[in-house]
C-alpha atoms as a PDB file:
ATOM      1  CA  MET A   1      -9.009 141.317 -48.887  1.00  0.00           C
ATOM      2  CA  ASP A   2     -11.371 141.738 -45.515  1.00  0.00           C
ATOM      3  CA  VAL A   3     -14.679 141.358 -46.477  1.00  0.00           C
ATOM      4  CA  GLY A   4     -15.806 145.015 -44.896  1.00  0.00           C
ATOM      5  CA  ASP A   5     -12.715 146.557 -46.296  1.00  0.00           C
ATOM      6  CA  ALA A   6     -13.746 145.419 -49.762  1.00  0.00           C
ATOM      7  CA  LEU A   7     -17.125 146.899 -49.028  1.00  0.00           C
ATOM      8  CA  ARG A   8     -15.512 150.107 -48.252  1.00  0.00           C
ATOM      9  CA  ALA A   9     -12.846 149.883 -50.847  1.00  0.00           C
ATOM     10  CA  ARG A  10     -15.598 148.889 -54.012  1.00  0.00           C
ATOM     11  CA  ARG A  11     -16.577 151.746 -56.304  1.00  0.00           C
ATOM     12  CA  THR A  12     -18.239 152.399 -59.438  1.00  0.00           C
ATOM     13  CA  VAL A  13     -14.758 152.744 -61.865  1.00  0.00           C
ATOM     14  CA  ARG A  14     -15.834 155.408 -64.908  1.00  0.00           C
ATOM     15  CA  ALA A  15     -11.967 155.464 -66.090  1.00  0.00           C
ATOM     16  CA  PHE A  16     -10.471 152.372 -67.177  1.00  0.00           C
ATOM     17  CA  LEU A  17      -6.926 151.264 -68.460  1.00  0.00           C
ATOM     18  CA  GLY A  18      -6.840 149.135 -71.255  1.00  0.00           C
ATOM     19  CA  ARG A  19      -4.469 146.852 -69.851  1.00  0.00           C
ATOM     20  CA  PRO A  20      -6.528 143.472 -70.078  1.00  0.00           C
ATOM     21  CA  VAL A  21      -7.614 141.372 -67.091  1.00  0.00           C
ATOM     22  CA  PRO A  22      -5.863 138.018 -67.105  1.00  0.00           C
ATOM     23  CA  ARG A  23      -7.845 134.969 -68.027  1.00  0.00           C
ATOM     24  CA  GLU A  24      -6.444 133.379 -64.814  1.00  0.00           C
ATOM     25  CA  THR A  25      -7.877 136.327 -62.982  1.00  0.00           C
ATOM     26  CA  LEU A  26     -10.980 136.423 -64.148  1.00  0.00           C
ATOM     27  CA  GLU A  27     -11.387 132.407 -63.783  1.00  0.00           C
ATOM     28  CA  ALA A  28     -10.760 133.278 -60.021  1.00  0.00           C
ATOM     29  CA  ILE A  29     -13.245 136.009 -59.849  1.00  0.00           C
ATOM     30  CA  LEU A  30     -16.210 134.241 -61.472  1.00  0.00           C
ATOM     31  CA  THR A  31     -15.108 131.017 -59.214  1.00  0.00           C
ATOM     32  CA  ASP A  32     -15.568 132.753 -56.013  1.00  0.00           C
ATOM     33  CA  ALA A  33     -18.560 134.669 -57.210  1.00  0.00           C
ATOM     34  CA  LEU A  34     -20.602 131.412 -58.389  1.00  0.00           C
ATOM     35  CA  ARG A  35     -20.779 130.650 -54.403  1.00  0.00           C
ATOM     36  CA  THR A  36     -23.696 133.054 -54.308  1.00  0.00           C
ATOM     37  CA  PRO A  37     -26.726 131.914 -52.911  1.00  0.00           C
ATOM     38  CA  SER A  38     -29.924 131.711 -54.798  1.00  0.00           C
ATOM     39  CA  TRP A  39     -33.623 130.435 -54.283  1.00  0.00           C
ATOM     40  CA  ALA A  40     -33.541 126.650 -53.670  1.00  0.00           C
ATOM     41  CA  ASN A  41     -30.091 126.721 -55.213  1.00  0.00           C
ATOM     42  CA  THR A  42     -31.658 127.269 -58.495  1.00  0.00           C
ATOM     43  CA  GLN A  43     -28.354 129.152 -59.753  1.00  0.00           C
ATOM     44  CA  PRO A  44     -30.630 130.786 -62.608  1.00  0.00           C
ATOM     45  CA  TRP A  45     -27.418 132.928 -64.016  1.00  0.00           C
ATOM     46  CA  GLU A  46     -25.838 131.927 -67.579  1.00  0.00           C
ATOM     47  CA  ILE A  47     -22.754 134.321 -67.710  1.00  0.00           C
ATOM     48  CA  PHE A  48     -20.710 135.780 -71.133  1.00  0.00           C
ATOM     49  CA  VAL A  49     -17.704 137.169 -70.718  1.00  0.00           C
ATOM     50  CA  ALA A  50     -16.272 139.609 -73.385  1.00  0.00           C
ATOM     51  CA  GLY A  51     -13.265 140.798 -74.000  1.00  0.00           C
ATOM     52  CA  GLY A  52     -10.276 141.585 -76.616  1.00  0.00           C
ATOM     53  CA  GLU A  53     -11.534 142.185 -80.334  1.00  0.00           C
ATOM     54  CA  ALA A  54     -14.709 141.059 -79.638  1.00  0.00           C
ATOM     55  CA  PHE A  55     -15.513 143.539 -76.821  1.00  0.00           C
ATOM     56  CA  GLU A  56     -14.032 146.084 -79.317  1.00  0.00           C
ATOM     57  CA  ARG A  57     -16.644 145.431 -81.807  1.00  0.00           C
ATOM     58  CA  ILE A  58     -19.659 145.515 -79.192  1.00  0.00           C
ATOM     59  CA  ARG A  59     -18.207 148.997 -78.058  1.00  0.00           C
ATOM     60  CA  ARG A  60     -17.648 150.474 -81.360  1.00  0.00           C
ATOM     61  CA  ALA A  61     -21.210 149.702 -82.897  1.00  0.00           C
ATOM     62  CA  SER A  62     -22.398 150.691 -79.265  1.00  0.00           C
ATOM     63  CA  GLU A  63     -20.851 154.159 -80.119  1.00  0.00           C
ATOM     64  CA  GLU A  64     -22.158 154.413 -83.341  1.00  0.00           C
ATOM     65  CA  ARG A  65     -25.628 153.662 -83.001  1.00  0.00           C
ATOM     66  CA  THR A  66     -25.411 156.438 -79.485  1.00  0.00           C
ATOM     67  CA  VAL A  67     -24.239 158.731 -82.238  1.00  0.00           C
ATOM     68  CA  ALA A  68     -26.868 157.892 -84.496  1.00  0.00           C
ATOM     69  CA  LYS A  69     -29.543 158.420 -81.750  1.00  0.00           C
ATOM     70  CA  VAL A  70     -30.449 154.681 -82.268  1.00  0.00           C
ATOM     71  CA  PRO A  71     -33.088 153.933 -79.480  1.00  0.00           C
ATOM     72  CA  SER A  72     -32.179 151.914 -76.287  1.00  0.00           C
ATOM     73  CA  ASP A  73     -34.061 148.868 -76.154  1.00  0.00           C
ATOM     74  CA  PRO A  74     -32.913 146.591 -72.945  1.00  0.00           C
ATOM     75  CA  ASP A  75     -34.168 143.201 -72.826  1.00  0.00           C
ATOM     76  CA  VAL A  76     -35.180 144.077 -68.622  1.00  0.00           C
ATOM     77  CA  PRO A  77     -36.707 148.130 -69.325  1.00  0.00           C
ATOM     78  CA  PHE A  78     -35.576 151.203 -67.602  1.00  0.00           C
ATOM     79  CA  PRO A  79     -38.046 151.956 -64.821  1.00  0.00           C
ATOM     80  CA  ALA A  80     -41.536 154.029 -65.481  1.00  0.00           C
ATOM     81  CA  ALA A  81     -40.440 156.334 -63.010  1.00  0.00           C
ATOM     82  CA  TRP A  82     -37.734 156.937 -59.756  1.00  0.00           C
ATOM     83  CA  THR A  83     -39.166 158.284 -57.180  1.00  0.00           C
ATOM     84  CA  ALA A  84     -38.536 161.787 -55.579  1.00  0.00           C
ATOM     85  CA  ALA A  85     -36.071 160.790 -53.448  1.00  0.00           C
ATOM     86  CA  CYS A  86     -34.254 158.590 -55.844  1.00  0.00           C
ATOM     87  CA  ARG A  87     -34.296 161.478 -58.290  1.00  0.00           C
ATOM     88  CA  GLU A  88     -32.560 163.284 -55.953  1.00  0.00           C
ATOM     89  CA  ARG A  89     -29.906 160.985 -55.342  1.00  0.00           C
ATOM     90  CA  THR A  90     -29.470 160.920 -59.289  1.00  0.00           C
ATOM     91  CA  LYS A  91     -29.175 164.517 -59.178  1.00  0.00           C
ATOM     92  CA  GLU A  92     -26.459 164.604 -56.417  1.00  0.00           C
ATOM     93  CA  LEU A  93     -24.333 162.016 -58.202  1.00  0.00           C
ATOM     94  CA  THR A  94     -24.444 164.107 -61.666  1.00  0.00           C
ATOM     95  CA  ALA A  95     -23.464 167.497 -59.760  1.00  0.00           C
ATOM     96  CA  GLY A  96     -20.528 165.539 -58.385  1.00  0.00           C
ATOM     97  CA  ARG A  97     -19.675 163.880 -61.487  1.00  0.00           C
ATOM     98  CA  ALA A  98     -19.959 167.508 -63.106  1.00  0.00           C
ATOM     99  CA  ARG A  99     -17.610 168.681 -60.479  1.00  0.00           C
ATOM    100  CA  VAL A 100     -14.679 166.828 -60.795  1.00  0.00           C
ATOM    101  CA  ARG A 101     -14.716 167.890 -64.377  1.00  0.00           C
ATOM    102  CA  GLY A 102     -14.628 171.407 -63.351  1.00  0.00           C
ATOM    103  CA  VAL A 103     -17.714 171.821 -65.106  1.00  0.00           C
ATOM    104  CA  GLY A 104     -21.425 172.654 -64.270  1.00  0.00           C
ATOM    105  CA  THR A 105     -24.724 170.456 -64.973  1.00  0.00           C
ATOM    106  CA  GLU A 106     -26.001 172.705 -67.086  1.00  0.00           C
ATOM    107  CA  ASP A 107     -22.978 172.374 -70.011  1.00  0.00           C
ATOM    108  CA  PRO A 108     -24.474 170.329 -72.721  1.00  0.00           C
ATOM    109  CA  ALA A 109     -20.793 169.014 -73.717  1.00  0.00           C
ATOM    110  CA  PHE A 110     -20.894 167.265 -70.134  1.00  0.00           C
ATOM    111  CA  HIS A 111     -23.752 165.646 -70.562  1.00  0.00           C
ATOM    112  CA  HIS A 112     -22.521 164.474 -74.353  1.00  0.00           C
ATOM    113  CA  ASP A 113     -19.243 163.355 -72.786  1.00  0.00           C
ATOM    114  CA  PHE A 114     -20.844 161.586 -69.858  1.00  0.00           C
ATOM    115  CA  HIS A 115     -23.337 159.582 -72.321  1.00  0.00           C
ATOM    116  CA  MET A 116     -20.626 158.886 -74.744  1.00  0.00           C
ATOM    117  CA  SER A 117     -18.288 157.674 -71.707  1.00  0.00           C
ATOM    118  CA  ASN A 118     -21.194 154.914 -70.530  1.00  0.00           C
ATOM    119  CA  ARG A 119     -21.887 154.122 -74.444  1.00  0.00           C
ATOM    120  CA  ARG A 120     -17.887 153.286 -74.600  1.00  0.00           C
ATOM    121  CA  PHE A 121     -18.240 151.395 -71.346  1.00  0.00           C
ATOM    122  CA  PHE A 122     -15.676 153.659 -69.578  1.00  0.00           C
ATOM    123  CA  GLY A 123     -12.907 152.182 -71.643  1.00  0.00           C
ATOM    124  CA  ALA A 124     -12.966 148.992 -69.752  1.00  0.00           C
ATOM    125  CA  PRO A 125     -11.180 145.961 -71.288  1.00  0.00           C
ATOM    126  CA  CYS A 126     -13.809 143.316 -70.610  1.00  0.00           C
ATOM    127  CA  ALA A 127     -17.252 143.065 -69.180  1.00  0.00           C
ATOM    128  CA  VAL A 128     -19.241 139.896 -67.411  1.00  0.00           C
ATOM    129  CA  TYR A 129     -22.779 139.771 -68.874  1.00  0.00           C
ATOM    130  CA  LEU A 130     -25.466 138.263 -66.543  1.00  0.00           C
ATOM    131  CA  CYS A 131     -28.397 136.141 -68.451  1.00  0.00           C
ATOM    132  CA  MET A 132     -31.296 133.886 -67.481  1.00  0.00           C
ATOM    133  CA  HIS A 133     -33.888 132.244 -68.830  1.00  0.00           C
ATOM    134  CA  ARG A 134     -37.009 134.390 -69.811  1.00  0.00           C
ATOM    135  CA  THR A 135     -39.457 131.819 -68.376  1.00  0.00           C
ATOM    136  CA  LEU A 136     -38.093 132.905 -64.798  1.00  0.00           C
ATOM    137  CA  GLY A 137     -39.089 135.943 -63.035  1.00  0.00           C
ATOM    138  CA  THR A 138     -38.486 138.863 -60.402  1.00  0.00           C
ATOM    139  CA  TRP A 139     -36.814 136.434 -57.795  1.00  0.00           C
ATOM    140  CA  SER A 140     -34.216 135.415 -60.275  1.00  0.00           C
ATOM    141  CA  ILE A 141     -33.560 138.667 -61.126  1.00  0.00           C
ATOM    142  CA  PHE A 142     -32.712 139.383 -57.339  1.00  0.00           C
ATOM    143  CA  ASP A 143     -30.163 135.987 -57.223  1.00  0.00           C
ATOM    144  CA  LEU A 144     -28.561 137.894 -60.476  1.00  0.00           C
ATOM    145  CA  GLY A 145     -28.245 141.400 -58.162  1.00  0.00           C
ATOM    146  CA  ALA A 146     -26.827 139.029 -55.369  1.00  0.00           C
ATOM    147  CA  LEU A 147     -24.301 137.593 -58.095  1.00  0.00           C
ATOM    148  CA  CYS A 148     -23.068 140.691 -59.606  1.00  0.00           C
ATOM    149  CA  GLN A 149     -22.526 141.980 -55.884  1.00  0.00           C
ATOM    150  CA  SER A 150     -20.151 138.998 -55.392  1.00  0.00           C
ATOM    151  CA  ILE A 151     -18.200 139.589 -58.678  1.00  0.00           C
ATOM    152  CA  CYS A 152     -17.632 143.133 -57.648  1.00  0.00           C
ATOM    153  CA  LEU A 153     -16.232 141.554 -54.428  1.00  0.00           C
ATOM    154  CA  ALA A 154     -14.504 138.996 -55.677  1.00  0.00           C
ATOM    155  CA  ALA A 155     -12.990 141.312 -58.189  1.00  0.00           C
ATOM    156  CA  GLN A 156     -11.942 143.806 -55.558  1.00  0.00           C
ATOM    157  CA  ASP A 157      -9.924 140.930 -53.780  1.00  0.00           C
ATOM    158  CA  GLN A 158      -8.051 140.517 -57.118  1.00  0.00           C
ATOM    159  CA  GLY A 159      -6.995 143.992 -57.361  1.00  0.00           C
ATOM    160  CA  VAL A 160      -9.256 144.554 -59.974  1.00  0.00           C
ATOM    161  CA  GLU A 161     -12.265 147.265 -60.502  1.00  0.00           C
ATOM    162  CA  SER A 162     -15.321 147.149 -61.589  1.00  0.00           C
ATOM    163  CA  ALA A 163     -18.533 149.263 -63.054  1.00  0.00           C
ATOM    164  CA  ILE A 164     -22.077 147.535 -62.804  1.00  0.00           C
ATOM    165  CA  ALA A 165     -23.757 149.470 -65.686  1.00  0.00           C
ATOM    166  CA  ILE A 166     -27.086 149.241 -67.779  1.00  0.00           C
ATOM    167  CA  ASN A 167     -25.598 151.088 -70.605  1.00  0.00           C
ATOM    168  CA  LEU A 168     -23.233 147.808 -71.191  1.00  0.00           C
ATOM    169  CA  VAL A 169     -26.947 145.859 -72.005  1.00  0.00           C
ATOM    170  CA  VAL A 170     -29.412 148.757 -74.221  1.00  0.00           C
ATOM    171  CA  TYR A 171     -28.359 146.739 -77.591  1.00  0.00           C
ATOM    172  CA  PRO A 172     -29.302 143.232 -76.550  1.00  0.00           C
ATOM    173  CA  ASP A 173     -29.389 142.306 -80.265  1.00  0.00           C
ATOM    174  CA  LEU A 174     -25.196 143.504 -80.648  1.00  0.00           C
ATOM    175  CA  LEU A 175     -24.367 140.861 -78.189  1.00  0.00           C
ATOM    176  CA  ARG A 176     -26.335 138.137 -79.234  1.00  0.00           C
ATOM    177  CA  THR A 177     -24.642 138.392 -82.591  1.00  0.00           C
ATOM    178  CA  GLU A 178     -21.518 138.695 -81.083  1.00  0.00           C
ATOM    179  CA  LEU A 179     -21.552 136.795 -78.321  1.00  0.00           C
ATOM    180  CA  GLY A 180     -23.583 133.853 -79.114  1.00  0.00           C
ATOM    181  CA  ILE A 181     -26.466 134.407 -76.134  1.00  0.00           C
ATOM    182  CA  PRO A 182     -29.449 132.656 -77.580  1.00  0.00           C
ATOM    183  CA  GLU A 183     -33.186 134.025 -78.029  1.00  0.00           C
ATOM    184  CA  GLU A 184     -34.493 132.664 -74.948  1.00  0.00           C
ATOM    185  CA  LEU A 185     -32.004 134.125 -72.160  1.00  0.00           C
ATOM    186  CA  LEU A 186     -32.832 137.260 -70.902  1.00  0.00           C
ATOM    187  CA  ILE A 187     -30.042 139.980 -70.989  1.00  0.00           C
ATOM    188  CA  VAL A 188     -30.006 141.292 -67.250  1.00  0.00           C
ATOM    189  CA  ILE A 189     -26.909 143.470 -66.695  1.00  0.00           C
ATOM    190  CA  GLY A 190     -23.347 143.724 -67.623  1.00  0.00           C
ATOM    191  CA  VAL A 191     -20.311 144.255 -65.110  1.00  0.00           C
ATOM    192  CA  ALA A 192     -17.296 146.005 -66.710  1.00  0.00           C
ATOM    193  CA  LEU A 193     -13.956 144.998 -65.128  1.00  0.00           C
ATOM    194  CA  GLY A 194     -10.601 146.292 -65.234  1.00  0.00           C
ATOM    195  CA  TYR A 195      -7.753 148.592 -63.647  1.00  0.00           C
ATOM    196  CA  ALA A 196      -8.911 152.067 -62.792  1.00  0.00           C
ATOM    197  CA  ASP A 197      -7.130 155.092 -64.650  1.00  0.00           C
ATOM    198  CA  PRO A 198      -5.605 157.600 -62.056  1.00  0.00           C
ATOM    199  CA  ALA A 199      -5.575 160.570 -64.837  1.00  0.00           C
ATOM    200  CA  GLY A 200      -9.433 159.910 -65.047  1.00  0.00           C
ATOM    201  CA  PRO A 201     -11.002 162.585 -63.180  1.00  0.00           C
ATOM    202  CA  GLU A 202     -14.058 160.637 -62.871  1.00  0.00           C
ATOM    203  CA  ASP A 203     -12.276 157.995 -60.809  1.00  0.00           C
ATOM    204  CA  SER A 204     -11.405 161.081 -57.943  1.00  0.00           C
ATOM    205  CA  PHE A 205     -14.927 161.105 -57.553  1.00  0.00           C
ATOM    206  CA  TRP A 206     -16.933 158.690 -54.990  1.00  0.00           C
ATOM    207  CA  SER A 207     -20.320 158.756 -54.490  1.00  0.00           C
ATOM    208  CA  GLU A 208     -22.193 159.351 -51.065  1.00  0.00           C
ATOM    209  CA  ARG A 209     -24.195 156.775 -49.251  1.00  0.00           C
ATOM    210  CA  ARG A 210     -27.360 157.145 -47.259  1.00  0.00           C
ATOM    211  CA  PRO A 211     -26.276 156.727 -43.697  1.00  0.00           C
ATOM    212  CA  LEU A 212     -27.804 153.884 -41.300  1.00  0.00           C
ATOM    213  CA  SER A 213     -29.656 155.846 -39.725  1.00  0.00           C
ATOM    214  CA  GLU A 214     -31.798 157.036 -42.532  1.00  0.00           C
ATOM    215  CA  ALA A 215     -31.699 153.690 -44.530  1.00  0.00           C
ATOM    216  CA  VAL A 216     -32.473 151.301 -41.725  1.00  0.00           C
ATOM    217  CA  THR A 217     -35.591 150.870 -39.214  1.00  0.00           C
ATOM    218  CA  PHE A 218     -35.131 148.726 -35.912  1.00  0.00           C
ATOM    219  CA  VAL A 219     -38.137 147.584 -34.534  1.00  0.00           C
ATOM    220  CA  GLY A 220     -37.699 145.689 -31.230  1.00  0.00           C
ATOM    221  CA  ILE A 221     -33.897 145.882 -30.672  1.00  0.00           C
END
């Protein structure tokens, strides 16, 4: 797949089929993604892939904790606040997701379903968890962000859809227990992988992107 085509076709899928992604496909995705550059070639990432019964146990526990209102406790804290512009874009995202469901954002049932869908990982059959050593800092998180994008694009090339999701990592103790992730590793983010469910209304929604004229400033060019 052409890189430009992959960038334009990639989206956050929020309704997956239960069909597993074959091990060889996951290996092909990650082999290509591991070509991602990093600061001084440090390659700070440690990657854990969960599927099958292990991932189902994580999903069930995530749902149970969410219903029980167990507070989130991700290794990388949520932002203290969003800027006004960021808040506006998140509101537009929420409104768009409500619109394809035929409801308004004032509907409590929508917000409950929205939250639970996130906590059951959109029904994805597997997820990739990106970790790094706790002694590393912000620049290594930047490197993991680059790897995250590479995984999504490599997945697109293999016909696999993706969703980068903080809700995959809000209960890191579950992941450590189930996947054997040691305490010295920071669990930074998760990427759900799978095949889109064409019957899911969420998958008819595509969020907008800021135009180049708004996001980019050219100087001397």
